[in-house]
Protein backbone atom coordinates (compact mmCIF):
# COMPACT_ATOMS: atom_id res chain seq x y z
CA MET A 1 58.86 101.53 80.07
CA GLU A 2 60.72 99.06 82.49
CA ALA A 3 62.77 98.69 78.48
CA ARG A 4 63.84 101.94 78.27
CA GLN A 5 64.89 102.51 82.00
CA ALA A 6 67.09 99.35 81.28
CA GLY A 7 67.96 100.69 78.34
CA LYS A 8 69.19 104.15 80.22
CA ASN A 9 70.97 102.28 82.55
CA ALA A 10 73.01 100.20 80.62
CA LEU A 11 74.19 103.70 78.74
CA LEU A 12 74.90 105.00 82.05
CA ALA A 13 76.88 102.36 83.08
CA GLY A 14 78.18 102.29 79.54
CA PHE A 15 79.19 106.70 79.71
CA ALA A 16 80.46 105.40 83.60
CA ILE A 17 82.80 102.61 82.75
CA SER A 18 84.33 104.82 79.95
CA PHE A 19 84.63 107.78 82.11
CA THR A 20 86.78 105.32 84.56
CA GLY A 21 88.61 103.82 82.72
CA ALA A 22 89.84 106.75 80.62
CA ILE A 23 90.81 108.36 84.36
CA LEU A 24 92.82 105.40 84.90
CA PHE A 25 94.75 105.34 81.78
CA SER A 26 95.46 108.81 82.46
CA THR A 27 97.51 107.55 85.82
CA LYS A 28 100.24 105.95 83.16
CA ALA A 29 102.19 109.41 83.20
CA ILE A 30 102.24 109.83 86.56
CA LEU A 31 103.13 106.29 87.65
CA VAL A 32 105.87 106.67 85.03
CA LYS A 33 106.83 109.96 86.54
CA LEU A 34 106.65 108.31 90.23
CA ALA A 35 108.86 105.72 89.29
CA PHE A 36 111.61 107.71 87.16
CA ARG A 37 111.96 109.92 90.97
CA SER A 38 111.91 107.06 93.18
CA THR A 39 113.54 104.27 91.84
CA HIS A 40 115.56 106.06 88.89
CA ALA A 41 114.87 102.85 86.40
CA ASP A 42 115.39 103.67 83.15
CA ALA A 43 112.21 103.77 80.59
CA LEU A 44 112.87 100.61 78.74
CA THR A 45 113.07 98.51 82.29
CA LEU A 46 109.87 100.65 83.35
CA LEU A 47 107.98 99.73 80.33
CA ALA A 48 109.91 95.93 80.10
CA LEU A 49 107.54 94.62 83.85
CA ARG A 50 104.70 97.06 82.30
CA MET A 51 104.26 94.21 79.27
CA LEU A 52 105.59 91.40 81.34
CA LEU A 53 103.15 91.50 84.11
CA SER A 54 100.61 92.45 81.50
CA LEU A 55 101.43 89.43 79.40
CA PRO A 56 99.35 86.96 81.50
CA PHE A 57 96.46 88.46 81.38
CA TYR A 58 96.30 89.18 77.32
CA VAL A 59 97.42 85.58 76.49
CA ALA A 60 94.48 84.14 78.96
CA THR A 61 92.23 86.52 76.72
CA ALA A 62 93.88 85.16 73.60
CA PHE A 63 93.35 81.56 74.90
CA TRP A 64 89.69 82.36 75.54
CA GLY A 65 88.45 83.98 72.66
CA SER A 66 90.56 81.28 70.50
CA ARG A 67 87.87 78.59 72.59
CA GLN A 68 84.91 81.15 71.79
CA GLU A 69 82.03 80.35 68.76
CA GLY A 70 82.79 82.95 66.11
CA ASN A 71 86.47 83.06 66.32
CA VAL A 72 87.73 84.24 63.19
CA HIS A 73 90.68 82.30 61.73
CA MET A 74 93.22 85.18 60.36
CA ASN A 75 94.88 84.41 56.86
CA GLY A 76 99.26 84.78 56.35
CA ARG A 77 98.38 88.57 55.26
CA GLN A 78 95.98 89.48 58.46
CA TRP A 79 98.97 87.98 60.67
CA GLY A 80 101.25 89.81 59.21
CA TRP A 81 99.46 93.34 59.44
CA VAL A 82 98.60 92.65 63.09
CA ILE A 83 102.73 91.87 63.55
CA ALA A 84 103.46 95.16 62.03
CA LEU A 85 100.36 97.24 63.51
CA GLY A 86 101.19 95.86 67.18
CA LEU A 87 105.10 96.07 66.46
CA LEU A 88 104.44 99.69 65.63
CA GLY A 89 100.92 100.77 67.64
CA TYR A 90 102.15 99.76 71.14
CA TYR A 91 105.88 98.70 71.09
CA LEU A 92 107.30 101.26 69.32
CA SER A 93 104.30 103.97 70.50
CA SER A 94 105.29 102.73 74.08
CA LEU A 95 108.42 103.06 74.03
CA PHE A 96 108.91 106.26 72.35
CA ASP A 97 106.13 107.88 75.22
CA PHE A 98 108.23 106.22 78.19
CA ILE A 99 111.85 107.77 77.13
CA GLY A 100 109.68 111.06 75.99
CA LEU A 101 109.06 111.16 79.92
CA GLN A 102 112.10 111.25 81.54
CA TYR A 103 112.49 114.90 79.63
CA ILE A 104 108.74 116.49 80.04
CA SER A 105 105.83 117.18 82.11
CA ALA A 106 103.37 114.90 82.16
CA GLY A 107 100.67 117.32 81.39
CA LEU A 108 102.40 118.09 78.39
CA GLU A 109 102.92 114.61 76.85
CA ARG A 110 99.48 113.70 77.67
CA LEU A 111 98.61 117.12 75.39
CA ILE A 112 100.73 116.02 72.21
CA LEU A 113 99.46 112.31 72.99
CA PHE A 114 95.93 114.06 72.39
CA LEU A 115 96.76 114.96 68.72
CA TYR A 116 96.27 111.15 67.64
CA PRO A 117 92.85 111.60 66.12
CA SER A 118 94.28 114.42 63.68
CA PHE A 119 97.30 112.91 62.76
CA ALA A 120 94.71 109.84 61.79
CA VAL A 121 92.66 111.99 59.76
CA LEU A 122 95.61 113.40 57.58
CA ILE A 123 97.02 109.46 57.63
CA ASN A 124 93.44 108.71 56.17
CA ALA A 125 93.79 111.78 53.99
CA VAL A 126 97.03 110.93 52.81
CA VAL A 127 97.18 107.06 52.47
CA PHE A 128 93.69 105.75 52.00
CA ARG A 129 92.54 109.37 50.10
CA GLN A 130 89.82 110.54 52.24
CA ARG A 131 89.27 114.17 51.64
CA ILE A 132 89.30 116.27 54.69
CA SER A 133 86.03 118.17 55.42
CA ARG A 134 85.77 121.90 56.70
CA VAL A 135 84.78 120.62 59.98
CA GLN A 136 88.00 118.63 60.28
CA LEU A 137 90.09 121.34 59.04
CA ILE A 138 89.04 123.53 61.50
CA ALA A 139 89.91 120.74 64.47
CA LEU A 140 93.14 120.46 63.18
CA VAL A 141 93.88 124.55 63.35
CA LEU A 142 91.99 123.95 67.06
CA THR A 143 94.40 121.03 68.26
CA TYR A 144 97.43 122.46 67.04
CA THR A 145 96.99 126.00 68.02
CA GLY A 146 96.12 124.41 71.52
CA ILE A 147 99.42 122.72 71.46
CA GLY A 148 101.41 125.39 70.77
CA ILE A 149 99.72 127.49 73.72
CA ALA A 150 100.66 125.10 76.11
CA TYR A 151 104.05 124.06 74.17
CA PHE A 152 105.66 127.81 74.60
CA GLY A 153 103.75 127.97 78.01
CA GLU A 154 105.94 124.93 79.07
CA LEU A 155 108.98 126.36 77.43
CA LYS A 156 108.93 129.83 79.53
CA ILE A 157 108.41 127.40 82.62
CA ASP A 158 110.75 124.65 82.07
CA THR A 159 113.90 126.68 80.96
CA GLY A 160 116.59 124.77 82.37
CA ASN A 161 115.71 121.16 80.82
CA PRO A 162 118.41 120.79 77.58
CA ASN A 163 116.30 117.70 76.50
CA PHE A 164 112.70 119.67 76.47
CA CYS A 165 112.66 119.50 73.03
CA TRP A 166 114.07 116.12 72.18
CA GLY A 167 111.28 114.58 74.73
CA SER A 168 108.58 116.71 73.09
CA PHE A 169 109.46 115.12 69.89
CA LEU A 170 109.85 111.63 71.07
CA VAL A 171 105.94 111.97 72.47
CA PHE A 172 105.22 113.13 69.21
CA LEU A 173 106.26 110.05 67.60
CA CYS A 174 104.10 108.66 69.87
CA SER A 175 101.41 110.34 68.78
CA ILE A 176 101.77 109.54 64.68
CA THR A 177 102.78 105.84 65.20
CA TYR A 178 99.72 105.62 67.38
CA ALA A 179 97.76 107.20 65.21
CA THR A 180 98.82 104.89 62.20
CA TYR A 181 98.26 102.25 64.26
CA LEU A 182 94.51 103.35 64.65
CA SER A 183 94.33 103.95 60.82
CA GLY A 184 95.23 100.20 60.05
CA ALA A 185 93.45 98.75 62.87
CA GLY A 186 90.26 100.65 61.44
CA ARG A 187 90.69 98.31 58.05
CA LEU A 188 91.66 94.98 59.97
CA VAL A 189 88.99 95.08 62.87
CA PRO A 190 85.71 94.64 60.96
CA LEU A 191 87.66 91.40 59.61
CA VAL A 192 88.99 90.18 62.58
CA GLY A 193 86.85 91.65 65.45
CA ALA A 194 87.97 94.05 67.88
CA ALA A 195 89.41 92.01 70.90
CA LYS A 196 90.91 89.21 69.06
CA PHE A 197 93.07 92.23 67.20
CA THR A 198 94.02 93.93 70.12
CA THR A 199 95.13 90.81 72.22
CA TYR A 200 97.13 90.00 69.49
CA SER A 201 98.77 93.46 68.54
CA MET A 202 98.99 93.58 72.69
CA LEU A 203 101.29 90.07 73.02
CA THR A 204 103.15 91.22 69.46
CA ALA A 205 104.59 94.67 70.81
CA THR A 206 104.84 92.44 74.45
CA LEU A 207 107.19 90.18 72.87
CA GLY A 208 108.97 93.09 71.25
CA VAL A 209 109.68 94.97 74.33
CA LEU A 210 111.34 91.83 75.91
CA VAL A 211 113.31 91.25 72.72
CA HIS A 212 114.37 94.37 72.61
CA PHE A 213 115.09 94.72 76.80
CA PHE A 214 116.98 91.38 77.12
CA ILE A 215 119.33 92.40 73.83
CA ARG A 216 120.66 95.04 75.75
CA GLN A 217 120.94 93.40 78.84
CA ALA A 218 122.84 90.82 76.85
CA PHE A 219 125.21 93.65 74.85
CA GLY A 220 124.81 96.47 77.28
CA ASN A 221 126.09 97.35 80.79
CA HIS A 222 122.63 97.53 82.39
CA SER A 223 121.36 95.66 85.20
CA SER A 224 118.43 92.69 84.65
CA LEU A 225 115.34 93.09 85.80
CA PRO A 226 115.33 94.12 89.65
CA THR A 227 114.74 91.14 92.39
CA GLY A 228 114.93 91.12 96.59
CA ALA A 229 113.54 92.82 98.48
CA GLY A 230 115.38 96.25 97.75
CA SER A 231 113.68 96.23 94.92
CA GLY A 232 110.13 95.99 95.98
CA MET A 233 108.86 99.93 95.13
CA LEU A 234 110.04 99.60 91.58
CA TRP A 235 108.14 96.23 91.25
CA GLY A 236 105.50 97.69 92.22
CA TYR A 237 105.27 100.65 90.38
CA GLY A 238 105.53 98.22 87.76
CA ILE A 239 102.20 96.17 89.14
CA MET A 240 100.55 99.41 89.25
CA LEU A 241 101.56 100.35 85.24
CA ALA A 242 100.11 96.91 84.16
CA LEU A 243 97.32 96.56 86.21
CA VAL A 244 95.82 99.46 87.13
CA ALA A 245 97.33 102.23 83.81
CA THR A 246 96.94 99.19 81.11
CA VAL A 247 94.92 95.94 82.03
CA ILE A 248 92.13 96.86 83.81
CA PRO A 249 91.19 100.04 81.92
CA SER A 250 91.58 98.58 77.97
CA PHE A 251 88.87 96.32 79.32
CA MET A 252 87.09 98.49 80.81
CA LEU A 253 87.26 100.82 77.69
CA SER A 254 85.90 97.62 75.44
CA ALA A 255 83.19 96.97 77.82
CA GLY A 256 82.06 100.50 77.59
CA MET A 257 82.19 100.95 73.59
CA LYS A 258 79.87 97.86 73.43
CA ARG A 259 77.16 99.71 75.89
CA ILE A 260 77.82 103.15 74.08
CA GLY A 261 79.14 102.94 71.02
CA ALA A 262 83.11 103.77 69.72
CA ASN A 263 82.59 107.23 69.36
CA ASN A 264 80.82 108.38 72.51
CA ALA A 265 83.61 106.53 74.14
CA ALA A 266 85.66 108.44 72.42
CA ILE A 267 84.00 111.77 73.56
CA VAL A 268 84.24 110.50 77.01
CA THR A 269 88.06 109.86 77.09
CA SER A 270 88.52 113.25 76.12
CA VAL A 271 88.84 114.09 79.99
CA GLY A 272 92.15 112.29 79.83
CA PRO A 273 94.74 115.04 79.27
CA VAL A 274 92.37 117.17 81.96
CA SER A 275 92.50 114.31 84.66
CA THR A 276 96.74 114.01 83.89
CA ILE A 277 96.90 117.81 84.59
CA LEU A 278 95.09 117.78 87.86
CA GLN A 279 97.08 114.55 89.09
CA ALA A 280 100.43 115.86 88.13
CA HIS A 281 99.63 118.84 89.82
CA PHE A 282 98.80 116.97 93.03
CA PHE A 283 100.31 113.87 93.13
CA LEU A 284 103.91 115.39 91.01
CA GLY A 285 103.83 119.39 92.41
CA ASP A 286 103.59 120.52 88.50
CA PRO A 287 102.29 123.89 88.03
CA ILE A 288 98.80 125.13 86.04
CA PHE A 289 99.56 128.09 84.36
CA ALA A 290 97.07 129.90 82.17
CA GLU A 291 98.73 128.63 78.98
CA GLN A 292 98.36 125.19 79.75
CA VAL A 293 94.52 125.58 80.79
CA ILE A 294 93.91 127.56 77.17
CA GLY A 295 95.99 124.71 74.80
CA THR A 296 94.43 121.87 76.55
CA ALA A 297 90.65 123.50 75.96
CA LEU A 298 91.52 124.01 72.21
CA VAL A 299 92.89 120.47 72.06
CA ILE A 300 89.81 118.67 73.91
CA ALA A 301 87.37 121.68 71.64
CA GLY A 302 89.61 120.10 68.14
CA VAL A 303 89.45 116.65 69.08
CA LEU A 304 85.33 116.81 70.03
CA LEU A 305 84.92 118.38 66.96
CA ILE A 306 86.51 115.12 65.00
CA GLY A 307 84.73 112.80 67.21
CA TRP A 308 81.02 114.35 66.57
CA LYS A 309 82.21 114.87 62.34
CA GLU A 310 82.78 111.39 62.34
CA ARG A 311 79.44 110.56 64.29
CA ARG A 312 77.52 112.50 61.77
CA VAL A 313 78.74 110.47 58.58
CA GLY A 314 78.76 107.18 60.43
CA ALA A 315 75.18 108.12 61.00
CA GLY A 316 74.40 109.26 57.57
C-alpha cells in the first residue's frame, strides 16, 4: 500500500511539475509583447538578453554533467549534429519567433507554434519514410483546420496591421525549424542523453545569437546592450525571459518527464495555448473571440491525437 501511494504521489508530482513548467513557458510571448510595448527594444536585443542571462545556468549544467559517472563522450559526427540542430532549433527558431511577435498577437503565435508536432509527423514521413497513419492524418486535418479558423478570425480583427501575414509566416517558420530540431533530437538523444543534448544545443544557440547580435552592433546603427539606471526595465524583462520563461520551465519539464514519461508530459503541455490566450487577454488586453476558441480546441485535439497515437505505438 505504501509503495502504491508513493508511486501515486510521484505521478501527481510529475503532472504538477509539468503543468507548472508549461504555464511558465507560455509566459514567453506575453513577456516579449510587454517588453516591446514598454521598452521599444527590437527582437534581436531581447533575444540576446534572454540567451545571455540563461547562459550561466546551461554552462553550469554542462560542467556538472561532464563530471557525472556515465557521461557520454560525443564523437565528431555527433558534435556536428548537435551544433547544427542547436542553431536550427533554438537560434533560428527563436529569432523567427521574436521577430514574428512584433506583428501578431501572443495567442495566435502560440497556436501557430503548437503546429510543431504535426510538422514533426510530416518531416518523419518525408525524411525518415515513416508511414502516416489514419489517426495521424485525422490529427493533421484537425490542427490545420483549427489554425485556419483562428487565423482568419484574427485577420478580421487585426485589419490595420500591414505586417500581419509576414509575422504569421515567421512564426510558421519557427514551428517548422523547431519540429526539424525535435525530429533530429529523436535520433541523437538515445545516443548522447537528453540532458547533454539539450544543454549543448542551447549553448550552441546562445553563441549563434550573441555572434549575430555583436556583428549587427559592429556594422549597423544599433545601440549596444542597455546600461545605466534608465535601462532597468529592459534588463528586468531579460531576466524574466531567461529565468521564468526559459531556464526554470526547461528544468521543470525535464523533471516532469522523468516522473510521468515524455508522452504524458507532452499532453500536459497542451495547456500552453489556452494559458497564453488567457494571459494575453488579462495582461495585454487582447480580445477572446469565437474563432480563436474553436481553432484552439481543434489544434489541441489534433496534438493530443498525435500524442495518443505515439503512445500506443510506443506501448506496442
